[in-house]
Amino acid sequence: EEPLVESGGGLVQPGGSLKLSCAASGFQIRDVYMSWVRSAPGKQPQWVAGMSSDGGTVYYTESVKGRFIISRDNAKTNVYLQMNSLKPGDTAVYYCNVKVLASHSDYWGQGTQVTVSS
């Protein structure tokens, strides 16, 4: 079983929506910082959104503010990324990241492809 498993990617038209899911049940949610990072060919990986360990504070990169929403399921230690008003520039492989606060150790999922195209 993978430590992190992403799902929910796919092909969507510009202006459409997708919701990504990351299953991270192997971690205690209060012990970790959870975030989403995306990677596209020819570009450096880009941090997209993150959530504090208590779930009370969220962070977004400027290009997705107002369009993306990060949330979590505390009972299952799942994290989600609701993506609205998608643009072709959002096309990338999206990865879930978990950082264990005590050790600063990072864990990554296998990624899920998001393609925004007509």
PDB file of N, CA and C in Angstrom:
ATOM      1  N   GLU A   1       0.829  -1.184   0.000  1.00  0.00           N
ATOM      2  CA  GLU A   1       0.000   0.000   0.000  1.00  0.00           C
ATOM      3  C   GLU A   1       0.876   1.252   0.000  1.00  0.00           C
ATOM      4  N   GLU A   2       0.535   2.192  -0.856  1.00  0.00           N
ATOM      5  CA  GLU A   2       1.297   3.437  -0.961  1.00  0.00           C
ATOM      6  C   GLU A   2       1.034   4.331   0.237  1.00  0.00           C
ATOM      7  N   PRO A   3       2.075   5.074   0.685  1.00  0.00           N
ATOM      8  CA  PRO A   3       1.846   6.021   1.787  1.00  0.00           C
ATOM      9  C   PRO A   3       0.823   7.096   1.438  1.00  0.00           C
ATOM     10  N   LEU A   4       0.864   7.578   0.204  1.00  0.00           N
ATOM     11  CA  LEU A   4      -0.068   8.585  -0.281  1.00  0.00           C
ATOM     12  C   LEU A   4      -0.588   8.154  -1.641  1.00  0.00           C
ATOM     13  N   VAL A   5      -1.895   8.309  -1.856  1.00  0.00           N
ATOM     14  CA  VAL A   5      -2.510   7.924  -3.116  1.00  0.00           C
ATOM     15  C   VAL A   5      -3.407   9.049  -3.591  1.00  0.00           C
ATOM     16  N   GLU A   6      -3.045   9.651  -4.726  1.00  0.00           N
ATOM     17  CA  GLU A   6      -3.852  10.719  -5.313  1.00  0.00           C
ATOM     18  C   GLU A   6      -4.831  10.144  -6.333  1.00  0.00           C
ATOM     19  N   SER A   7      -5.944  10.837  -6.492  1.00  0.00           N
ATOM     20  CA  SER A   7      -6.917  10.472  -7.499  1.00  0.00           C
ATOM     21  C   SER A   7      -7.730  11.710  -7.858  1.00  0.00           C
ATOM     22  N   GLY A   8      -8.520  11.613  -8.913  1.00  0.00           N
ATOM     23  CA  GLY A   8      -9.425  12.682  -9.286  1.00  0.00           C
ATOM     24  C   GLY A   8      -9.015  13.483 -10.495  1.00  0.00           C
ATOM     25  N   GLY A   9      -7.826  13.251 -11.023  1.00  0.00           N
ATOM     26  CA  GLY A   9      -7.396  13.967 -12.199  1.00  0.00           C
ATOM     27  C   GLY A   9      -8.126  13.492 -13.440  1.00  0.00           C
ATOM     28  N   GLY A  10      -7.907  14.210 -14.537  1.00  0.00           N
ATOM     29  CA  GLY A  10      -8.543  13.854 -15.786  1.00  0.00           C
ATOM     30  C   GLY A  10      -8.485  14.988 -16.775  1.00  0.00           C
ATOM     31  N   LEU A  11      -9.264  14.852 -17.825  1.00  0.00           N
ATOM     32  CA  LEU A  11      -9.362  15.856 -18.877  1.00  0.00           C
ATOM     33  C   LEU A  11     -10.600  16.703 -18.653  1.00  0.00           C
ATOM     34  N   VAL A  12     -10.417  18.011 -18.668  1.00  0.00           N
ATOM     35  CA  VAL A  12     -11.526  18.923 -18.449  1.00  0.00           C
ATOM     36  C   VAL A  12     -11.378  20.121 -19.377  1.00  0.00           C
ATOM     37  N   GLN A  13     -12.490  20.691 -19.782  1.00  0.00           N
ATOM     38  CA  GLN A  13     -12.466  21.870 -20.634  1.00  0.00           C
ATOM     39  C   GLN A  13     -12.142  23.124 -19.834  1.00  0.00           C
ATOM     40  N   PRO A  14     -11.571  24.131 -20.485  1.00  0.00           N
ATOM     41  CA  PRO A  14     -11.346  25.398 -19.782  1.00  0.00           C
ATOM     42  C   PRO A  14     -12.629  25.909 -19.136  1.00  0.00           C
ATOM     43  N   GLY A  15     -12.487  26.391 -17.913  1.00  0.00           N
ATOM     44  CA  GLY A  15     -13.635  26.847 -17.156  1.00  0.00           C
ATOM     45  C   GLY A  15     -14.292  25.773 -16.317  1.00  0.00           C
ATOM     46  N   GLY A  16     -13.901  24.532 -16.512  1.00  0.00           N
ATOM     47  CA  GLY A  16     -14.471  23.431 -15.772  1.00  0.00           C
ATOM     48  C   GLY A  16     -13.838  23.251 -14.411  1.00  0.00           C
ATOM     49  N   SER A  17     -14.252  22.187 -13.731  1.00  0.00           N
ATOM     50  CA  SER A  17     -13.808  21.920 -12.372  1.00  0.00           C
ATOM     51  C   SER A  17     -13.398  20.467 -12.198  1.00  0.00           C
ATOM     52  N   LEU A  18     -12.480  20.250 -11.280  1.00  0.00           N
ATOM     53  CA  LEU A  18     -12.079  18.923 -10.844  1.00  0.00           C
ATOM     54  C   LEU A  18     -11.807  18.973  -9.351  1.00  0.00           C
ATOM     55  N   LYS A  19     -11.982  17.837  -8.697  1.00  0.00           N
ATOM     56  CA  LYS A  19     -11.627  17.727  -7.289  1.00  0.00           C
ATOM     57  C   LYS A  19     -10.644  16.587  -7.119  1.00  0.00           C
ATOM     58  N   LEU A  20      -9.454  16.920  -6.639  1.00  0.00           N
ATOM     59  CA  LEU A  20      -8.424  15.933  -6.383  1.00  0.00           C
ATOM     60  C   LEU A  20      -8.514  15.442  -4.948  1.00  0.00           C
ATOM     61  N   SER A  21      -8.153  14.189  -4.765  1.00  0.00           N
ATOM     62  CA  SER A  21      -8.186  13.580  -3.447  1.00  0.00           C
ATOM     63  C   SER A  21      -6.844  12.920  -3.160  1.00  0.00           C
ATOM     64  N   CYS A  22      -6.414  12.999  -1.925  1.00  0.00           N
ATOM     65  CA  CYS A  22      -5.190  12.347  -1.473  1.00  0.00           C
ATOM     66  C   CYS A  22      -5.500  11.572  -0.210  1.00  0.00           C
ATOM     67  N   ALA A  23      -5.313  10.271  -0.267  1.00  0.00           N
ATOM     68  CA  ALA A  23      -5.510   9.414   0.889  1.00  0.00           C
ATOM     69  C   ALA A  23      -4.200   9.290   1.648  1.00  0.00           C
ATOM     70  N   ALA A  24      -4.211   9.727   2.891  1.00  0.00           N
ATOM     71  CA  ALA A  24      -3.004   9.730   3.718  1.00  0.00           C
ATOM     72  C   ALA A  24      -3.297   9.136   5.084  1.00  0.00           C
ATOM     73  N   SER A  25      -4.013   8.039   5.102  1.00  0.00           N
ATOM     74  CA  SER A  25      -4.468   7.446   6.355  1.00  0.00           C
ATOM     75  C   SER A  25      -3.345   6.877   7.206  1.00  0.00           C
ATOM     76  N   GLY A  26      -2.156   6.759   6.668  1.00  0.00           N
ATOM     77  CA  GLY A  26      -1.032   6.266   7.439  1.00  0.00           C
ATOM     78  C   GLY A  26      -0.401   7.286   8.355  1.00  0.00           C
ATOM     79  N   PHE A  27      -0.943   8.503   8.376  1.00  0.00           N
ATOM     80  CA  PHE A  27      -0.395   9.589   9.172  1.00  0.00           C
ATOM     81  C   PHE A  27      -1.424  10.107  10.158  1.00  0.00           C
ATOM     82  N   GLN A  28      -0.927  10.669  11.249  1.00  0.00           N
ATOM     83  CA  GLN A  28      -1.777  11.390  12.184  1.00  0.00           C
ATOM     84  C   GLN A  28      -1.919  12.815  11.687  1.00  0.00           C
ATOM     85  N   ILE A  29      -3.138  13.238  11.461  1.00  0.00           N
ATOM     86  CA  ILE A  29      -3.361  14.492  10.772  1.00  0.00           C
ATOM     87  C   ILE A  29      -2.806  15.692  11.541  1.00  0.00           C
ATOM     88  N   ARG A  30      -2.814  15.642  12.846  1.00  0.00           N
ATOM     89  CA  ARG A  30      -2.313  16.760  13.638  1.00  0.00           C
ATOM     90  C   ARG A  30      -0.796  16.854  13.652  1.00  0.00           C
ATOM     91  N   ASP A  31      -0.133  15.864  13.095  1.00  0.00           N
ATOM     92  CA  ASP A  31       1.321  15.827  13.095  1.00  0.00           C
ATOM     93  C   ASP A  31       1.937  16.293  11.786  1.00  0.00           C
ATOM     94  N   VAL A  32       1.105  16.633  10.798  1.00  0.00           N
ATOM     95  CA  VAL A  32       1.629  16.867   9.458  1.00  0.00           C
ATOM     96  C   VAL A  32       1.090  18.145   8.844  1.00  0.00           C
ATOM     97  N   TYR A  33       1.908  18.707   7.976  1.00  0.00           N
ATOM     98  CA  TYR A  33       1.510  19.770   7.080  1.00  0.00           C
ATOM     99  C   TYR A  33       1.227  19.121   5.733  1.00  0.00           C
ATOM    100  N   MET A  34       0.090  19.427   5.134  1.00  0.00           N
ATOM    101  CA  MET A  34      -0.318  18.801   3.895  1.00  0.00           C
ATOM    102  C   MET A  34      -0.429  19.849   2.797  1.00  0.00           C
ATOM    103  N   SER A  35       0.011  19.476   1.612  1.00  0.00           N
ATOM    104  CA  SER A  35       0.008  20.438   0.521  1.00  0.00           C
ATOM    105  C   SER A  35      -0.097  19.729  -0.822  1.00  0.00           C
ATOM    106  N   TRP A  36      -0.316  20.540  -1.855  1.00  0.00           N
ATOM    107  CA  TRP A  36      -0.347  20.080  -3.232  1.00  0.00           C
ATOM    108  C   TRP A  36       0.724  20.806  -4.028  1.00  0.00           C
ATOM    109  N   VAL A  37       1.436  20.041  -4.831  1.00  0.00           N
ATOM    110  CA  VAL A  37       2.475  20.564  -5.704  1.00  0.00           C
ATOM    111  C   VAL A  37       2.200  20.048  -7.105  1.00  0.00           C
ATOM    112  N   ARG A  38       2.442  20.877  -8.111  1.00  0.00           N
ATOM    113  CA  ARG A  38       2.228  20.428  -9.485  1.00  0.00           C
ATOM    114  C   ARG A  38       3.498  20.559 -10.304  1.00  0.00           C
ATOM    115  N   SER A  39       3.580  19.715 -11.328  1.00  0.00           N
ATOM    116  CA  SER A  39       4.751  19.676 -12.181  1.00  0.00           C
ATOM    117  C   SER A  39       4.319  19.571 -13.636  1.00  0.00           C
ATOM    118  N   ALA A  40       4.856  20.439 -14.469  1.00  0.00           N
ATOM    119  CA  ALA A  40       4.573  20.433 -15.898  1.00  0.00           C
ATOM    120  C   ALA A  40       5.884  20.404 -16.670  1.00  0.00           C
ATOM    121  N   PRO A  41       5.882  19.815 -17.872  1.00  0.00           N
ATOM    122  CA  PRO A  41       7.116  19.762 -18.658  1.00  0.00           C
ATOM    123  C   PRO A  41       7.707  21.141 -18.896  1.00  0.00           C
ATOM    124  N   GLY A  42       9.018  21.241 -18.724  1.00  0.00           N
ATOM    125  CA  GLY A  42       9.709  22.489 -18.968  1.00  0.00           C
ATOM    126  C   GLY A  42       9.602  23.509 -17.862  1.00  0.00           C
ATOM    127  N   LYS A  43       8.956  23.160 -16.769  1.00  0.00           N
ATOM    128  CA  LYS A  43       8.780  24.096 -15.670  1.00  0.00           C
ATOM    129  C   LYS A  43       9.259  23.481 -14.367  1.00  0.00           C
ATOM    130  N   GLN A  44       9.673  24.347 -13.460  1.00  0.00           N
ATOM    131  CA  GLN A  44      10.013  23.886 -12.119  1.00  0.00           C
ATOM    132  C   GLN A  44       8.740  23.487 -11.381  1.00  0.00           C
ATOM    133  N   PRO A  45       8.829  22.493 -10.516  1.00  0.00           N
ATOM    134  CA  PRO A  45       7.658  22.156  -9.705  1.00  0.00           C
ATOM    135  C   PRO A  45       7.151  23.382  -8.958  1.00  0.00           C
ATOM    136  N   GLN A  46       5.849  23.504  -8.877  1.00  0.00           N
ATOM    137  CA  GLN A  46       5.231  24.681  -8.284  1.00  0.00           C
ATOM    138  C   GLN A  46       4.367  24.283  -7.104  1.00  0.00           C
ATOM    139  N   TRP A  47       4.628  24.887  -5.969  1.00  0.00           N
ATOM    140  CA  TRP A  47       3.769  24.718  -4.809  1.00  0.00           C
ATOM    141  C   TRP A  47       2.441  25.409  -5.099  1.00  0.00           C
ATOM    142  N   VAL A  48       1.338  24.723  -4.847  1.00  0.00           N
ATOM    143  CA  VAL A  48       0.014  25.226  -5.208  1.00  0.00           C
ATOM    144  C   VAL A  48      -0.788  25.657  -3.991  1.00  0.00           C
ATOM    145  N   ALA A  49      -0.901  24.781  -3.007  1.00  0.00           N
ATOM    146  CA  ALA A  49      -1.736  25.060  -1.844  1.00  0.00           C
ATOM    147  C   ALA A  49      -1.274  24.216  -0.671  1.00  0.00           C
ATOM    148  N   GLY A  50      -1.490  24.727   0.529  1.00  0.00           N
ATOM    149  CA  GLY A  50      -1.118  23.995   1.724  1.00  0.00           C
ATOM    150  C   GLY A  50      -2.055  24.291   2.865  1.00  0.00           C
ATOM    151  N   MET A  51      -2.001  23.433   3.878  1.00  0.00           N
ATOM    152  CA  MET A  51      -2.862  23.558   5.043  1.00  0.00           C
ATOM    153  C   MET A  51      -2.062  23.250   6.296  1.00  0.00           C
ATOM    154  N   SER A  52      -2.249  24.070   7.321  1.00  0.00           N
ATOM    155  CA  SER A  52      -1.558  23.879   8.583  1.00  0.00           C
ATOM    156  C   SER A  52      -2.035  22.608   9.270  1.00  0.00           C
ATOM    157  N   SER A  53      -1.250  22.148  10.237  1.00  0.00           N
ATOM    158  CA  SER A  53      -1.541  20.872  10.879  1.00  0.00           C
ATOM    159  C   SER A  53      -2.855  20.877  11.642  1.00  0.00           C
ATOM    160  N   ASP A  54      -3.305  22.039  12.101  1.00  0.00           N
ATOM    161  CA  ASP A  54      -4.581  22.115  12.803  1.00  0.00           C
ATOM    162  C   ASP A  54      -5.749  22.389  11.860  1.00  0.00           C
ATOM    163  N   GLY A  55      -5.472  22.551  10.578  1.00  0.00           N
ATOM    164  CA  GLY A  55      -6.514  22.791   9.596  1.00  0.00           C
ATOM    165  C   GLY A  55      -7.057  24.200   9.577  1.00  0.00           C
ATOM    166  N   GLY A  56      -6.507  25.071  10.411  1.00  0.00           N
ATOM    167  CA  GLY A  56      -7.068  26.394  10.552  1.00  0.00           C
ATOM    168  C   GLY A  56      -6.532  27.439   9.599  1.00  0.00           C
ATOM    169  N   THR A  57      -5.424  27.155   8.948  1.00  0.00           N
ATOM    170  CA  THR A  57      -4.791  28.117   8.060  1.00  0.00           C
ATOM    171  C   THR A  57      -4.486  27.457   6.730  1.00  0.00           C
ATOM    172  N   VAL A  58      -4.835  28.129   5.652  1.00  0.00           N
ATOM    173  CA  VAL A  58      -4.558  27.621   4.316  1.00  0.00           C
ATOM    174  C   VAL A  58      -3.721  28.629   3.548  1.00  0.00           C
ATOM    175  N   TYR A  59      -3.011  28.129   2.543  1.00  0.00           N
ATOM    176  CA  TYR A  59      -2.108  28.946   1.750  1.00  0.00           C
ATOM    177  C   TYR A  59      -2.279  28.586   0.287  1.00  0.00           C
ATOM    178  N   TYR A  60      -2.186  29.590  -0.578  1.00  0.00           N
ATOM    179  CA  TYR A  60      -2.311  29.387  -2.009  1.00  0.00           C
ATOM    180  C   TYR A  60      -1.285  30.215  -2.747  1.00  0.00           C
ATOM    181  N   THR A  61      -0.787  29.656  -3.830  1.00  0.00           N
ATOM    182  CA  THR A  61       0.036  30.457  -4.709  1.00  0.00           C
ATOM    183  C   THR A  61      -0.867  31.447  -5.444  1.00  0.00           C
ATOM    184  N   GLU A  62      -0.304  32.579  -5.837  1.00  0.00           N
ATOM    185  CA  GLU A  62      -1.097  33.679  -6.359  1.00  0.00           C
ATOM    186  C   GLU A  62      -1.945  33.281  -7.564  1.00  0.00           C
ATOM    187  N   SER A  63      -1.423  32.451  -8.433  1.00  0.00           N
ATOM    188  CA  SER A  63      -2.116  32.140  -9.678  1.00  0.00           C
ATOM    189  C   SER A  63      -3.386  31.313  -9.490  1.00  0.00           C
ATOM    190  N   VAL A  64      -3.573  30.708  -8.318  1.00  0.00           N
ATOM    191  CA  VAL A  64      -4.762  29.886  -8.096  1.00  0.00           C
ATOM    192  C   VAL A  64      -5.696  30.478  -7.054  1.00  0.00           C
ATOM    193  N   LYS A  65      -5.332  31.568  -6.442  1.00  0.00           N
ATOM    194  CA  LYS A  65      -6.182  32.186  -5.427  1.00  0.00           C
ATOM    195  C   LYS A  65      -7.540  32.560  -6.019  1.00  0.00           C
ATOM    196  N   GLY A  66      -8.584  32.232  -5.289  1.00  0.00           N
ATOM    197  CA  GLY A  66      -9.929  32.500  -5.755  1.00  0.00           C
ATOM    198  C   GLY A  66     -10.502  31.422  -6.636  1.00  0.00           C
ATOM    199  N   ARG A  67      -9.678  30.467  -7.064  1.00  0.00           N
ATOM    200  CA  ARG A  67     -10.140  29.389  -7.930  1.00  0.00           C
ATOM    201  C   ARG A  67     -10.023  28.013  -7.272  1.00  0.00           C
ATOM    202  N   PHE A  68      -8.969  27.799  -6.489  1.00  0.00           N
ATOM    203  CA  PHE A  68      -8.724  26.508  -5.858  1.00  0.00           C
ATOM    204  C   PHE A  68      -9.034  26.588  -4.370  1.00  0.00           C
ATOM    205  N   ILE A  69      -9.478  25.472  -3.812  1.00  0.00           N
ATOM    206  CA  ILE A  69      -9.757  25.375  -2.383  1.00  0.00           C
ATOM    207  C   ILE A  69      -9.163  24.076  -1.857  1.00  0.00           C
ATOM    208  N   ILE A  70      -8.330  24.188  -0.832  1.00  0.00           N
ATOM    209  CA  ILE A  70      -7.787  23.005  -0.179  1.00  0.00           C
ATOM    210  C   ILE A  70      -8.605  22.723   1.075  1.00  0.00           C
ATOM    211  N   SER A  71      -8.865  21.455   1.328  1.00  0.00           N
ATOM    212  CA  SER A  71      -9.620  21.055   2.501  1.00  0.00           C
ATOM    213  C   SER A  71      -9.150  19.677   2.941  1.00  0.00           C
ATOM    214  N   ARG A  72      -9.649  19.219   4.086  1.00  0.00           N
ATOM    215  CA  ARG A  72      -9.240  17.912   4.567  1.00  0.00           C
ATOM    216  C   ARG A  72     -10.353  17.233   5.333  1.00  0.00           C
ATOM    217  N   ASP A  73     -10.235  15.916   5.425  1.00  0.00           N
ATOM    218  CA  ASP A  73     -11.107  15.073   6.217  1.00  0.00           C
ATOM    219  C   ASP A  73     -10.278  14.619   7.408  1.00  0.00           C
ATOM    220  N   ASN A  74     -10.565  15.144   8.579  1.00  0.00           N
ATOM    221  CA  ASN A  74      -9.737  14.861   9.746  1.00  0.00           C
ATOM    222  C   ASN A  74      -9.780  13.396  10.158  1.00  0.00           C
ATOM    223  N   ALA A  75     -10.938  12.782  10.058  1.00  0.00           N
ATOM    224  CA  ALA A  75     -11.084  11.403  10.506  1.00  0.00           C
ATOM    225  C   ALA A  75     -10.273  10.441   9.655  1.00  0.00           C
ATOM    226  N   LYS A  76     -10.170  10.728   8.370  1.00  0.00           N
ATOM    227  CA  LYS A  76      -9.490   9.818   7.454  1.00  0.00           C
ATOM    228  C   LYS A  76      -8.108  10.297   7.035  1.00  0.00           C
ATOM    229  N   THR A  77      -7.710  11.465   7.496  1.00  0.00           N
ATOM    230  CA  THR A  77      -6.447  12.076   7.092  1.00  0.00           C
ATOM    231  C   THR A  77      -6.355  12.146   5.564  1.00  0.00           C
ATOM    232  N   ASN A  78      -7.422  12.603   4.962  1.00  0.00           N
ATOM    233  CA  ASN A  78      -7.446  12.863   3.531  1.00  0.00           C
ATOM    234  C   ASN A  78      -7.365  14.361   3.293  1.00  0.00           C
ATOM    235  N   VAL A  79      -6.737  14.730   2.197  1.00  0.00           N
ATOM    236  CA  VAL A  79      -6.689  16.122   1.790  1.00  0.00           C
ATOM    237  C   VAL A  79      -7.229  16.231   0.372  1.00  0.00           C
ATOM    238  N   TYR A  80      -7.913  17.336   0.093  1.00  0.00           N
ATOM    239  CA  TYR A  80      -8.569  17.523  -1.188  1.00  0.00           C
ATOM    240  C   TYR A  80      -8.150  18.852  -1.800  1.00  0.00           C
ATOM    241  N   LEU A  81      -8.257  18.925  -3.099  1.00  0.00           N
ATOM    242  CA  LEU A  81      -8.042  20.171  -3.810  1.00  0.00           C
ATOM    243  C   LEU A  81      -9.180  20.354  -4.802  1.00  0.00           C
ATOM    244  N   GLN A  82     -10.095  21.250  -4.473  1.00  0.00           N
ATOM    245  CA  GLN A  82     -11.171  21.611  -5.380  1.00  0.00           C
ATOM    246  C   GLN A  82     -10.647  22.669  -6.332  1.00  0.00           C
ATOM    247  N   MET A  83     -10.691  22.382  -7.616  1.00  0.00           N
ATOM    248  CA  MET A  83     -10.153  23.273  -8.632  1.00  0.00           C
ATOM    249  C   MET A  83     -11.298  23.752  -9.519  1.00  0.00           C
ATOM    250  N   ASN A  84     -11.525  25.044  -9.518  1.00  0.00           N
ATOM    251  CA  ASN A  84     -12.579  25.653 -10.309  1.00  0.00           C
ATOM    252  C   ASN A  84     -11.984  26.609 -11.335  1.00  0.00           C
ATOM    253  N   SER A  85     -12.784  26.945 -12.324  1.00  0.00           N
ATOM    254  CA  SER A  85     -12.362  27.883 -13.373  1.00  0.00           C
ATOM    255  C   SER A  85     -11.004  27.503 -13.937  1.00  0.00           C
ATOM    256  N   LEU A  86     -10.859  26.254 -14.275  1.00  0.00           N
ATOM    257  CA  LEU A  86      -9.568  25.747 -14.720  1.00  0.00           C
ATOM    258  C   LEU A  86      -9.145  26.369 -16.044  1.00  0.00           C
ATOM    259  N   LYS A  87      -7.846  26.573 -16.169  1.00  0.00           N
ATOM    260  CA  LYS A  87      -7.248  27.168 -17.352  1.00  0.00           C
ATOM    261  C   LYS A  87      -6.215  26.212 -17.933  1.00  0.00           C
ATOM    262  N   PRO A  88      -5.888  26.349 -19.216  1.00  0.00           N
ATOM    263  CA  PRO A  88      -4.863  25.474 -19.792  1.00  0.00           C
ATOM    264  C   PRO A  88      -3.545  25.507 -19.024  1.00  0.00           C
ATOM    265  N   GLY A  89      -3.205  26.649 -18.437  1.00  0.00           N
ATOM    266  CA  GLY A  89      -1.987  26.756 -17.658  1.00  0.00           C
ATOM    267  C   GLY A  89      -1.979  25.927 -16.392  1.00  0.00           C
ATOM    268  N   ASP A  90      -3.126  25.398 -15.998  1.00  0.00           N
ATOM    269  CA  ASP A  90      -3.199  24.520 -14.841  1.00  0.00           C
ATOM    270  C   ASP A  90      -2.825  23.083 -15.184  1.00  0.00           C
ATOM    271  N   THR A  91      -2.640  22.790 -16.448  1.00  0.00           N
ATOM    272  CA  THR A  91      -2.288  21.440 -16.870  1.00  0.00           C
ATOM    273  C   THR A  91      -0.961  21.020 -16.248  1.00  0.00           C
ATOM    274  N   ALA A  92      -0.973  19.903 -15.550  1.00  0.00           N
ATOM    275  CA  ALA A  92       0.215  19.420 -14.860  1.00  0.00           C
ATOM    276  C   ALA A  92      -0.117  18.102 -14.182  1.00  0.00           C
ATOM    277  N   VAL A  93       0.917  17.457 -13.679  1.00  0.00           N
ATOM    278  CA  VAL A  93       0.729  16.354 -12.761  1.00  0.00           C
ATOM    279  C   VAL A  93       0.692  16.939 -11.357  1.00  0.00           C
ATOM    280  N   TYR A  94      -0.339  16.621 -10.610  1.00  0.00           N
ATOM    281  CA  TYR A  94      -0.513  17.145  -9.269  1.00  0.00           C
ATOM    282  C   TYR A  94      -0.133  16.086  -8.250  1.00  0.00           C
ATOM    283  N   TYR A  95       0.706  16.482  -7.307  1.00  0.00           N
ATOM    284  CA  TYR A  95       1.205  15.582  -6.278  1.00  0.00           C
ATOM    285  C   TYR A  95       0.756  16.040  -4.902  1.00  0.00           C
ATOM    286  N   CYS A  96       0.374  15.087  -4.099  1.00  0.00           N
ATOM    287  CA  CYS A  96       0.098  15.335  -2.690  1.00  0.00           C
ATOM    288  C   CYS A  96       1.397  15.215  -1.909  1.00  0.00           C
ATOM    289  N   ASN A  97       1.618  16.136  -0.994  1.00  0.00           N
ATOM    290  CA  ASN A  97       2.804  16.119  -0.156  1.00  0.00           C
ATOM    291  C   ASN A  97       2.412  16.161   1.308  1.00  0.00           C
ATOM    292  N   VAL A  98       3.055  15.322   2.089  1.00  0.00           N
ATOM    293  CA  VAL A  98       2.887  15.329   3.537  1.00  0.00           C
ATOM    294  C   VAL A  98       4.245  15.558   4.166  1.00  0.00           C
ATOM    295  N   LYS A  99       4.328  16.564   5.005  1.00  0.00           N
ATOM    296  CA  LYS A  99       5.546  16.846   5.753  1.00  0.00           C
ATOM    297  C   LYS A  99       5.295  16.554   7.219  1.00  0.00           C
ATOM    298  N   VAL A 100       6.056  15.618   7.764  1.00  0.00           N
ATOM    299  CA  VAL A 100       5.947  15.296   9.180  1.00  0.00           C
ATOM    300  C   VAL A 100       6.669  16.382   9.954  1.00  0.00           C
ATOM    301  N   LEU A 101       5.949  17.066  10.820  1.00  0.00           N
ATOM    302  CA  LEU A 101       6.485  18.250  11.471  1.00  0.00           C
ATOM    303  C   LEU A 101       7.671  17.950  12.366  1.00  0.00           C
ATOM    304  N   ALA A 102       7.625  16.853  13.093  1.00  0.00           N
ATOM    305  CA  ALA A 102       8.671  16.552  14.054  1.00  0.00           C
ATOM    306  C   ALA A 102      10.016  16.299  13.390  1.00  0.00           C
ATOM    307  N   SER A 103      10.006  15.688  12.232  1.00  0.00           N
ATOM    308  CA  SER A 103      11.236  15.299  11.556  1.00  0.00           C
ATOM    309  C   SER A 103      11.509  16.070  10.274  1.00  0.00           C
ATOM    310  N   HIS A 104      10.535  16.824   9.796  1.00  0.00           N
ATOM    311  CA  HIS A 104      10.602  17.505   8.494  1.00  0.00           C
ATOM    312  C   HIS A 104      10.777  16.519   7.350  1.00  0.00           C
ATOM    313  N   SER A 105      10.333  15.302   7.546  1.00  0.00           N
ATOM    314  CA  SER A 105      10.383  14.302   6.490  1.00  0.00           C
ATOM    315  C   SER A 105       9.226  14.495   5.526  1.00  0.00           C
ATOM    316  N   ASP A 106       9.502  14.368   4.235  1.00  0.00           N
ATOM    317  CA  ASP A 106       8.503  14.555   3.194  1.00  0.00           C
ATOM    318  C   ASP A 106       8.110  13.228   2.564  1.00  0.00           C
ATOM    319  N   TYR A 107       6.821  13.095   2.284  1.00  0.00           N
ATOM    320  CA  TYR A 107       6.280  11.942   1.597  1.00  0.00           C
ATOM    321  C   TYR A 107       5.449  12.423   0.424  1.00  0.00           C
ATOM    322  N   TRP A 108       5.502  11.663  -0.668  1.00  0.00           N
ATOM    323  CA  TRP A 108       4.851  12.049  -1.909  1.00  0.00           C
ATOM    324  C   TRP A 108       4.021  10.910  -2.470  1.00  0.00           C
ATOM    325  N   GLY A 109       2.922  11.268  -3.108  1.00  0.00           N
ATOM    326  CA  GLY A 109       2.137  10.296  -3.836  1.00  0.00           C
ATOM    327  C   GLY A 109       2.667  10.117  -5.243  1.00  0.00           C
ATOM    328  N   GLN A 110       1.970   9.296  -6.016  1.00  0.00           N
ATOM    329  CA  GLN A 110       2.408   8.991  -7.380  1.00  0.00           C
ATOM    330  C   GLN A 110       2.002  10.056  -8.387  1.00  0.00           C
ATOM    331  N   GLY A 111       1.121  10.947  -7.998  1.00  0.00           N
ATOM    332  CA  GLY A 111       0.662  12.013  -8.863  1.00  0.00           C
ATOM    333  C   GLY A 111      -0.590  11.647  -9.641  1.00  0.00           C
ATOM    334  N   THR A 112      -1.354  12.665  -9.996  1.00  0.00           N
ATOM    335  CA  THR A 112      -2.529  12.484 -10.842  1.00  0.00           C
ATOM    336  C   THR A 112      -2.526  13.570 -11.912  1.00  0.00           C
ATOM    337  N   GLN A 113      -2.761  13.160 -13.152  1.00  0.00           N
ATOM    338  CA  GLN A 113      -2.666  14.075 -14.288  1.00  0.00           C
ATOM    339  C   GLN A 113      -3.925  14.910 -14.422  1.00  0.00           C
ATOM    340  N   VAL A 114      -3.733  16.217 -14.554  1.00  0.00           N
ATOM    341  CA  VAL A 114      -4.813  17.147 -14.854  1.00  0.00           C
ATOM    342  C   VAL A 114      -4.510  17.798 -16.193  1.00  0.00           C
ATOM    343  N   THR A 115      -5.426  17.658 -17.133  1.00  0.00           N
ATOM    344  CA  THR A 115      -5.263  18.252 -18.453  1.00  0.00           C
ATOM    345  C   THR A 115      -6.458  19.148 -18.739  1.00  0.00           C
ATOM    346  N   VAL A 116      -6.190  20.414 -19.006  1.00  0.00           N
ATOM    347  CA  VAL A 116      -7.235  21.385 -19.295  1.00  0.00           C
ATOM    348  C   VAL A 116      -7.117  21.760 -20.767  1.00  0.00           C
ATOM    349  N   SER A 117      -8.076  21.332 -21.559  1.00  0.00           N
ATOM    350  CA  SER A 117      -8.017  21.536 -22.999  1.00  0.00           C
ATOM    351  C   SER A 117      -9.401  21.390 -23.597  1.00  0.00           C
ATOM    352  N   SER A 118      -9.615  22.098 -24.707  1.00  0.00           N
ATOM    353  CA  SER A 118     -10.852  21.945 -25.456  1.00  0.00           C
ATOM    354  C   SER A 118     -10.806  20.742 -26.376  1.00  0.00           C
TER     355      SER A 118
END
